[in-house]
PDB file of all heavy atoms in Angstrom:
ATOM      1  N   GLN A   1      49.791 127.578  93.272  1.00  0.00           N
ATOM      2  CA  GLN A   1      48.693 127.040  92.409  1.00  0.00           C
ATOM      3  C   GLN A   1      48.161 125.701  93.031  1.00  0.00           C
ATOM      4  O   GLN A   1      46.904 125.614  93.090  1.00  0.00           O
ATOM      5  CB  GLN A   1      49.230 126.622  90.980  1.00  0.00           C
ATOM      6  CG  GLN A   1      48.200 126.158  90.048  1.00  0.00           C
ATOM      7  CD  GLN A   1      48.751 125.748  88.598  1.00  0.00           C
ATOM      8  OE1 GLN A   1      49.998 125.745  88.470  1.00  0.00           O
ATOM      9  NE2 GLN A   1      47.895 125.554  87.768  1.00  0.00           N
ATOM     10  N   GLY A   2      49.000 124.829  93.524  1.00  0.00           N
ATOM     11  CA  GLY A   2      48.495 123.632  94.211  1.00  0.00           C
ATOM     12  C   GLY A   2      47.623 123.948  95.418  1.00  0.00           C
ATOM     13  O   GLY A   2      46.582 123.366  95.534  1.00  0.00           O
ATOM     14  N   LYS A   3      48.042 124.905  96.170  1.00  0.00           N
ATOM     15  CA  LYS A   3      47.133 125.257  97.448  1.00  0.00           C
ATOM     16  C   LYS A   3      45.856 125.866  96.941  1.00  0.00           C
ATOM     17  O   LYS A   3      44.854 125.629  97.648  1.00  0.00           O
ATOM     18  CB  LYS A   3      48.065 126.074  98.285  1.00  0.00           C
ATOM     19  CG  LYS A   3      49.288 125.450  98.942  1.00  0.00           C
ATOM     20  CD  LYS A   3      48.792 124.233  99.769  1.00  0.00           C
ATOM     21  CE  LYS A   3      49.892 123.530 100.455  1.00  0.00           C
ATOM     22  NZ  LYS A   3      49.606 122.457 101.204  1.00  0.00           N
ATOM     23  N   VAL A   4      45.931 126.769  95.988  1.00  0.00           N
ATOM     24  CA  VAL A   4      44.637 127.401  95.473  1.00  0.00           C
ATOM     25  C   VAL A   4      43.682 126.301  95.031  1.00  0.00           C
ATOM     26  O   VAL A   4      42.480 126.360  95.309  1.00  0.00           O
ATOM     27  CB  VAL A   4      44.992 128.299  94.345  1.00  0.00           C
ATOM     28  CG1 VAL A   4      43.707 128.731  93.684  1.00  0.00           C
ATOM     29  CG2 VAL A   4      45.556 129.691  94.937  1.00  0.00           C
ATOM     30  N   LEU A   5      44.141 125.310  94.441  1.00  0.00           N
ATOM     31  CA  LEU A   5      43.328 124.207  93.916  1.00  0.00           C
ATOM     32  C   LEU A   5      42.830 123.310  95.072  1.00  0.00           C
ATOM     33  O   LEU A   5      41.976 122.413  94.856  1.00  0.00           O
ATOM     34  CB  LEU A   5      43.981 123.322  92.838  1.00  0.00           C
ATOM     35  CG  LEU A   5      44.174 124.162  91.477  1.00  0.00           C
ATOM     36  CD1 LEU A   5      45.127 123.299  90.629  1.00  0.00           C
ATOM     37  CD2 LEU A   5      42.857 124.286  90.857  1.00  0.00           C
ATOM     38  N   GLY A   6      43.499 123.297  96.225  1.00  0.00           N
ATOM     39  CA  GLY A   6      43.077 122.501  97.319  1.00  0.00           C
ATOM     40  C   GLY A   6      43.948 121.312  97.678  1.00  0.00           C
ATOM     41  O   GLY A   6      43.628 120.490  98.420  1.00  0.00           O
ATOM     42  N   ALA A   7      45.181 121.283  97.047  1.00  0.00           N
ATOM     43  CA  ALA A   7      46.067 120.236  97.456  1.00  0.00           C
ATOM     44  C   ALA A   7      46.480 120.303  98.934  1.00  0.00           C
ATOM     45  O   ALA A   7      46.745 121.371  99.497  1.00  0.00           O
ATOM     46  CB  ALA A   7      47.320 120.245  96.578  1.00  0.00           C
ATOM     47  N   ASP A   8      46.566 118.990  99.490  1.00  0.00           N
ATOM     48  CA  ASP A   8      47.071 119.073 100.858  1.00  0.00           C
ATOM     49  C   ASP A   8      48.500 119.111 100.883  1.00  0.00           C
ATOM     50  O   ASP A   8      49.087 119.609 101.817  1.00  0.00           O
ATOM     51  CB  ASP A   8      46.491 117.680 101.600  1.00  0.00           C
ATOM     52  CG  ASP A   8      45.064 117.635 101.519  1.00  0.00           C
ATOM     53  OD1 ASP A   8      44.426 118.516 102.222  1.00  0.00           O
ATOM     54  OD2 ASP A   8      44.462 116.654 101.018  1.00  0.00           O
ATOM     55  N   ILE A   9      49.108 118.573  99.947  1.00  0.00           N
ATOM     56  CA  ILE A   9      50.594 118.498  99.814  1.00  0.00           C
ATOM     57  C   ILE A   9      50.923 118.808  98.280  1.00  0.00           C
ATOM     58  O   ILE A   9      50.146 118.293  97.433  1.00  0.00           O
ATOM     59  CB  ILE A   9      51.320 117.181 100.172  1.00  0.00           C
ATOM     60  CG1 ILE A   9      50.915 116.904 101.733  1.00  0.00           C
ATOM     61  CG2 ILE A   9      52.765 117.027  99.969  1.00  0.00           C
ATOM     62  CD1 ILE A   9      51.223 115.419 102.062  1.00  0.00           C
ATOM     63  N   VAL A  10      51.994 119.497  98.134  1.00  0.00           N
ATOM     64  CA  VAL A  10      52.375 119.701  96.700  1.00  0.00           C
ATOM     65  C   VAL A  10      53.693 118.900  96.412  1.00  0.00           C
ATOM     66  O   VAL A  10      54.679 119.102  97.285  1.00  0.00           O
ATOM     67  CB  VAL A  10      52.524 121.260  96.296  1.00  0.00           C
ATOM     68  CG1 VAL A  10      53.173 121.462  94.917  1.00  0.00           C
ATOM     69  CG2 VAL A  10      51.179 121.952  96.504  1.00  0.00           C
ATOM     70  N   LYS A  11      53.733 118.227  95.315  1.00  0.00           N
ATOM     71  CA  LYS A  11      54.857 117.587  94.883  1.00  0.00           C
ATOM     72  C   LYS A  11      55.433 118.112  93.635  1.00  0.00           C
ATOM     73  O   LYS A  11      54.621 118.291  92.656  1.00  0.00           O
ATOM     74  CB  LYS A  11      54.603 116.138  94.779  1.00  0.00           C
ATOM     75  CG  LYS A  11      55.868 115.261  94.181  1.00  0.00           C
ATOM     76  CD  LYS A  11      55.535 113.780  94.133  1.00  0.00           C
ATOM     77  CE  LYS A  11      54.778 113.475  92.837  1.00  0.00           C
ATOM     78  NZ  LYS A  11      54.545 112.187  92.499  1.00  0.00           N
ATOM     79  N   ILE A  12      56.805 118.386  93.550  1.00  0.00           N
ATOM     80  CA  ILE A  12      57.420 119.024  92.411  1.00  0.00           C
ATOM     81  C   ILE A  12      58.486 118.020  92.000  1.00  0.00           C
ATOM     82  O   ILE A  12      59.404 117.833  92.727  1.00  0.00           O
ATOM     83  CB  ILE A  12      57.882 120.418  92.590  1.00  0.00           C
ATOM     84  CG1 ILE A  12      56.782 121.262  93.131  1.00  0.00           C
ATOM     85  CG2 ILE A  12      58.562 120.952  91.446  1.00  0.00           C
ATOM     86  CD1 ILE A  12      57.283 122.649  93.624  1.00  0.00           C
ATOM     87  N   ALA A  13      58.368 117.532  90.685  1.00  0.00           N
ATOM     88  CA  ALA A  13      59.494 116.600  90.213  1.00  0.00           C
ATOM     89  C   ALA A  13      59.950 117.174  88.831  1.00  0.00           C
ATOM     90  O   ALA A  13      59.147 117.453  87.947  1.00  0.00           O
ATOM     91  CB  ALA A  13      58.926 115.244  89.958  1.00  0.00           C
ATOM     92  N   VAL A  14      61.246 117.606  88.847  1.00  0.00           N
ATOM     93  CA  VAL A  14      61.856 118.197  87.601  1.00  0.00           C
ATOM     94  C   VAL A  14      63.059 117.390  87.304  1.00  0.00           C
ATOM     95  O   VAL A  14      63.646 116.661  88.035  1.00  0.00           O
ATOM     96  CB  VAL A  14      62.212 119.702  87.927  1.00  0.00           C
ATOM     97  CG1 VAL A  14      60.876 120.418  88.208  1.00  0.00           C
ATOM     98  CG2 VAL A  14      63.105 119.826  89.073  1.00  0.00           C
ATOM     99  N   ARG A  15      63.542 117.638  86.072  1.00  0.00           N
ATOM    100  CA  ARG A  15      64.828 117.119  85.514  1.00  0.00           C
ATOM    101  C   ARG A  15      65.902 118.090  85.731  1.00  0.00           C
ATOM    102  O   ARG A  15      65.873 119.199  85.209  1.00  0.00           O
ATOM    103  CB  ARG A  15      64.674 116.622  84.180  1.00  0.00           C
ATOM    104  CG  ARG A  15      66.053 116.124  83.517  1.00  0.00           C
ATOM    105  CD  ARG A  15      66.052 115.428  82.350  1.00  0.00           C
ATOM    106  NE  ARG A  15      65.166 114.197  82.333  1.00  0.00           N
ATOM    107  CZ  ARG A  15      65.623 113.082  82.790  1.00  0.00           C
ATOM    108  NH1 ARG A  15      66.829 112.938  83.294  1.00  0.00           N
ATOM    109  NH2 ARG A  15      64.878 112.017  82.778  1.00  0.00           N
ATOM    110  N   ALA A  16      66.995 117.724  86.308  1.00  0.00           N
ATOM    111  CA  ALA A  16      68.167 118.607  86.454  1.00  0.00           C
ATOM    112  C   ALA A  16      69.099 118.168  85.313  1.00  0.00           C
ATOM    113  O   ALA A  16      69.665 117.048  85.167  1.00  0.00           O
ATOM    114  CB  ALA A  16      68.875 118.312  87.804  1.00  0.00           C
ATOM    115  N   ALA A  17      69.366 119.174  84.586  1.00  0.00           N
ATOM    116  CA  ALA A  17      70.322 118.845  83.349  1.00  0.00           C
ATOM    117  C   ALA A  17      71.728 119.264  83.582  1.00  0.00           C
ATOM    118  O   ALA A  17      72.574 118.842  82.955  1.00  0.00           O
ATOM    119  CB  ALA A  17      69.894 119.726  82.113  1.00  0.00           C
ATOM    120  N   SER A  18      71.953 119.929  84.825  1.00  0.00           N
ATOM    121  CA  SER A  18      73.288 120.389  85.238  1.00  0.00           C
ATOM    122  C   SER A  18      73.357 120.456  86.679  1.00  0.00           C
ATOM    123  O   SER A  18      72.255 120.478  87.461  1.00  0.00           O
ATOM    124  CB  SER A  18      73.603 121.745  84.622  1.00  0.00           C
ATOM    125  OG  SER A  18      72.721 122.751  85.163  1.00  0.00           O
ATOM    126  N   ARG A  19      74.560 120.598  87.229  1.00  0.00           N
ATOM    127  CA  ARG A  19      74.758 120.823  88.595  1.00  0.00           C
ATOM    128  C   ARG A  19      74.110 122.046  89.115  1.00  0.00           C
ATOM    129  O   ARG A  19      73.527 122.214  90.155  1.00  0.00           O
ATOM    130  CB  ARG A  19      76.314 120.824  88.903  1.00  0.00           C
ATOM    131  CG  ARG A  19      76.618 121.119  90.335  1.00  0.00           C
ATOM    132  CD  ARG A  19      78.168 121.029  90.525  1.00  0.00           C
ATOM    133  NE  ARG A  19      78.594 121.733  91.687  1.00  0.00           N
ATOM    134  CZ  ARG A  19      78.569 121.078  92.912  1.00  0.00           C
ATOM    135  NH1 ARG A  19      78.300 119.749  93.042  1.00  0.00           N
ATOM    136  NH2 ARG A  19      79.066 121.809  93.959  1.00  0.00           N
ATOM    137  N   GLU A  20      74.106 123.096  88.251  1.00  0.00           N
ATOM    138  CA  GLU A  20      73.475 124.428  88.507  1.00  0.00           C
ATOM    139  C   GLU A  20      71.920 124.237  88.666  1.00  0.00           C
ATOM    140  O   GLU A  20      71.408 124.928  89.649  1.00  0.00           O
ATOM    141  CB  GLU A  20      73.822 125.504  87.494  1.00  0.00           C
ATOM    142  CG  GLU A  20      75.214 125.890  87.470  1.00  0.00           C
ATOM    143  CD  GLU A  20      76.295 124.836  86.787  1.00  0.00           C
ATOM    144  OE1 GLU A  20      75.777 124.029  86.048  1.00  0.00           O
ATOM    145  OE2 GLU A  20      77.353 124.861  87.213  1.00  0.00           O
ATOM    146  N   ASP A  21      71.237 123.478  87.868  1.00  0.00           N
ATOM    147  CA  ASP A  21      69.906 123.129  88.011  1.00  0.00           C
ATOM    148  C   ASP A  21      69.663 122.548  89.367  1.00  0.00           C
ATOM    149  O   ASP A  21      68.719 122.935  90.022  1.00  0.00           O
ATOM    150  CB  ASP A  21      69.340 122.171  86.941  1.00  0.00           C
ATOM    151  CG  ASP A  21      69.173 122.796  85.531  1.00  0.00           C
ATOM    152  OD1 ASP A  21      69.137 123.963  85.502  1.00  0.00           O
ATOM    153  OD2 ASP A  21      68.921 121.993  84.678  1.00  0.00           O
ATOM    154  N   LEU A  22      70.412 121.471  89.682  1.00  0.00           N
ATOM    155  CA  LEU A  22      70.342 120.759  90.973  1.00  0.00           C
ATOM    156  C   LEU A  22      70.383 121.769  92.147  1.00  0.00           C
ATOM    157  O   LEU A  22      69.643 121.884  93.077  1.00  0.00           O
ATOM    158  CB  LEU A  22      71.320 119.740  91.129  1.00  0.00           C
ATOM    159  CG  LEU A  22      71.224 118.932  92.477  1.00  0.00           C
ATOM    160  CD1 LEU A  22      69.890 118.336  92.697  1.00  0.00           C
ATOM    161  CD2 LEU A  22      72.324 117.890  92.529  1.00  0.00           C
ATOM    162  N   LEU A  23      71.505 122.523  92.255  1.00  0.00           N
ATOM    163  CA  LEU A  23      71.740 123.594  93.207  1.00  0.00           C
ATOM    164  C   LEU A  23      70.720 124.591  93.326  1.00  0.00           C
ATOM    165  O   LEU A  23      70.258 124.869  94.525  1.00  0.00           O
ATOM    166  CB  LEU A  23      73.219 124.243  93.056  1.00  0.00           C
ATOM    167  CG  LEU A  23      74.332 123.285  93.211  1.00  0.00           C
ATOM    168  CD1 LEU A  23      75.635 124.052  92.845  1.00  0.00           C
ATOM    169  CD2 LEU A  23      74.371 122.630  94.515  1.00  0.00           C
ATOM    170  N   ARG A  24      70.117 125.091  92.241  1.00  0.00           N
ATOM    171  CA  ARG A  24      69.123 126.091  92.239  1.00  0.00           C
ATOM    172  C   ARG A  24      67.868 125.302  92.738  1.00  0.00           C
ATOM    173  O   ARG A  24      67.091 125.918  93.596  1.00  0.00           O
ATOM    174  CB  ARG A  24      68.846 126.516  90.827  1.00  0.00           C
ATOM    175  CG  ARG A  24      67.938 127.658  90.732  1.00  0.00           C
ATOM    176  CD  ARG A  24      67.982 128.384  89.279  1.00  0.00           C
ATOM    177  NE  ARG A  24      67.811 127.288  88.204  1.00  0.00           N
ATOM    178  CZ  ARG A  24      66.694 126.856  87.808  1.00  0.00           C
ATOM    179  NH1 ARG A  24      65.601 127.285  88.391  1.00  0.00           N
ATOM    180  NH2 ARG A  24      66.679 125.959  86.827  1.00  0.00           N
TER     181      ARG A  24
END
């Protein structure tokens, strides 16, 4: 989606509620 819109770089910031979230 970011590239379609024309972003030069895409940044993804999410919250990890568990170790599994982080590893994924």
